[in-house]
Amino acid sequence: MRFTTYERHNESPLIVIKNDRSCEPFDREKLLRGLLIATAKRDVPLGRLEALIDDVEAEIRNTLKSEVHSKVLGDMVLERLRAMDDVAYIRFASVYKDFRDIDEFQAALKGMG
């Protein structure tokens, strides 16, 4: 038998604590879908997105905690995405940060420079 993805069945599940204090299991596929939307029509290979998710998950697991706040998770993703592609970073940030108006969006753009 041959495996092309990491086996994760022996690892304890990671729990994401959302802003409303509800909890849900860490979902690699959900995160990948968000990243694929952010990188649509950009030259970012799928393997780089999968590696980004692997890196984020490994960093969380290395803290030896089984829970992570969604804000921390989002910030970790944004940090890596910014180094990868500026447009994808802004796309992801616009959903993740839930800008209330154009001024917040412009502030995020200015902070990139």
Protein backbone atom coordinates (compact mmCIF):
# COMPACT_ATOMS: atom_id res chain seq x y z
CA MET A 1 0.00 0.00 0.00
CA ARG A 2 1.26 3.46 -0.88
CA PHE A 3 0.33 6.74 0.78
CA THR A 4 0.71 10.12 -0.88
CA THR A 5 -0.45 12.21 2.07
CA TYR A 6 0.59 12.29 5.68
CA GLU A 7 -1.22 9.89 7.96
CA ARG A 8 -2.78 11.79 10.80
CA HIS A 9 -5.04 9.25 12.45
CA ASN A 10 -2.72 8.79 15.46
CA GLU A 11 -2.47 12.49 16.23
CA SER A 12 -4.84 14.11 18.65
CA PRO A 13 -7.31 16.41 16.94
CA LEU A 14 -6.68 20.14 16.96
CA ILE A 15 -9.59 22.30 18.02
CA VAL A 16 -10.15 25.81 16.65
CA ILE A 17 -11.80 28.25 19.04
CA LYS A 18 -13.84 30.71 17.01
CA ASN A 19 -14.55 34.35 17.89
CA ASP A 20 -18.00 33.47 19.23
CA ARG A 21 -16.26 30.94 21.53
CA SER A 22 -17.69 27.97 19.67
CA CYS A 23 -15.24 25.22 18.78
CA GLU A 24 -14.70 23.11 15.72
CA PRO A 25 -12.05 20.62 14.62
CA PHE A 26 -9.12 21.99 12.60
CA ASP A 27 -10.05 21.27 8.99
CA ARG A 28 -7.17 21.22 6.53
CA GLU A 29 -9.57 20.99 3.59
CA LYS A 30 -11.52 24.06 4.71
CA LEU A 31 -8.29 26.03 5.04
CA LEU A 32 -7.09 24.79 1.65
CA ARG A 33 -10.37 25.88 0.03
CA GLY A 34 -9.90 29.38 1.45
CA LEU A 35 -6.33 29.50 0.20
CA LEU A 36 -7.36 28.27 -3.25
CA ILE A 37 -9.92 31.08 -3.47
CA ALA A 38 -7.31 33.63 -2.35
CA THR A 39 -4.78 32.38 -4.90
CA ALA A 40 -7.20 31.97 -7.82
CA LYS A 41 -5.54 33.06 -11.09
CA ARG A 42 -2.24 33.55 -9.24
CA ASP A 43 0.93 31.57 -9.93
CA VAL A 44 0.92 29.68 -6.62
CA PRO A 45 1.30 25.90 -6.93
CA LEU A 46 -0.98 23.64 -4.91
CA GLY A 47 2.08 22.07 -3.29
CA ARG A 48 3.09 25.42 -1.79
CA LEU A 49 -0.37 25.84 -0.27
CA GLU A 50 -0.26 22.32 1.16
CA ALA A 51 3.21 23.03 2.57
CA LEU A 52 1.89 26.25 4.13
CA ILE A 53 -0.87 24.28 5.86
CA ASP A 54 1.62 21.61 6.98
CA ASP A 55 3.85 24.32 8.44
CA VAL A 56 0.98 26.01 10.30
CA GLU A 57 -0.28 22.70 11.67
CA ALA A 58 3.21 21.66 12.76
CA GLU A 59 3.76 24.98 14.53
CA ILE A 60 0.49 24.60 16.43
CA ARG A 61 1.28 21.00 17.38
CA ASN A 62 4.76 22.02 18.54
CA THR A 63 3.14 24.24 21.17
CA LEU A 64 1.80 20.98 22.66
CA LYS A 65 -1.64 22.56 22.88
CA SER A 66 -4.68 20.90 21.39
CA GLU A 67 -6.56 24.18 20.90
CA VAL A 68 -5.84 27.30 18.88
CA HIS A 69 -7.86 30.49 18.61
CA SER A 70 -9.06 31.25 15.08
CA LYS A 71 -7.33 34.67 15.23
CA VAL A 72 -3.98 33.03 15.95
CA LEU A 73 -4.55 30.50 13.18
CA GLY A 74 -5.51 33.23 10.71
CA ASP A 75 -2.51 35.34 11.63
CA MET A 76 -0.21 32.36 11.11
CA VAL A 77 -1.68 31.75 7.66
CA LEU A 78 -1.49 35.44 6.72
CA GLU A 79 2.15 35.69 7.76
CA ARG A 80 3.09 32.84 5.44
CA LEU A 81 0.77 33.93 2.63
CA ARG A 82 2.19 37.45 2.64
CA ALA A 83 5.66 36.06 1.96
CA MET A 84 4.20 33.97 -0.86
CA ASP A 85 1.94 36.37 -2.82
CA ASP A 86 0.79 39.92 -1.99
CA VAL A 87 -2.49 39.70 -3.91
CA ALA A 88 -3.44 36.39 -2.29
CA TYR A 89 -2.55 37.90 1.08
CA ILE A 90 -4.96 40.82 0.56
CA ARG A 91 -7.69 38.51 -0.74
CA PHE A 92 -7.38 36.20 2.27
CA ALA A 93 -7.09 39.11 4.68
CA SER A 94 -10.20 40.79 3.28
CA VAL A 95 -12.27 37.76 4.29
CA TYR A 96 -10.38 36.81 7.44
CA LYS A 97 -10.10 40.31 8.88
CA ASP A 98 -13.66 41.24 7.81
CA PHE A 99 -12.85 44.86 6.94
CA ARG A 100 -15.73 47.14 7.91
CA ASP A 101 -15.00 49.84 5.38
CA ILE A 102 -12.58 51.04 2.72
CA ASP A 103 -10.42 52.84 5.31
CA GLU A 104 -9.60 49.56 7.09
CA PHE A 105 -8.82 47.97 3.74
CA GLN A 106 -6.54 50.87 2.75
CA ALA A 107 -4.77 50.68 6.11
CA ALA A 108 -4.02 47.02 5.45
CA LEU A 109 -2.64 47.89 2.03
CA LYS A 110 -0.45 50.67 3.45
CA GLY A 111 0.86 48.28 6.10
CA MET A 112 2.24 46.03 3.38
CA GLY A 113 4.77 48.59 2.12
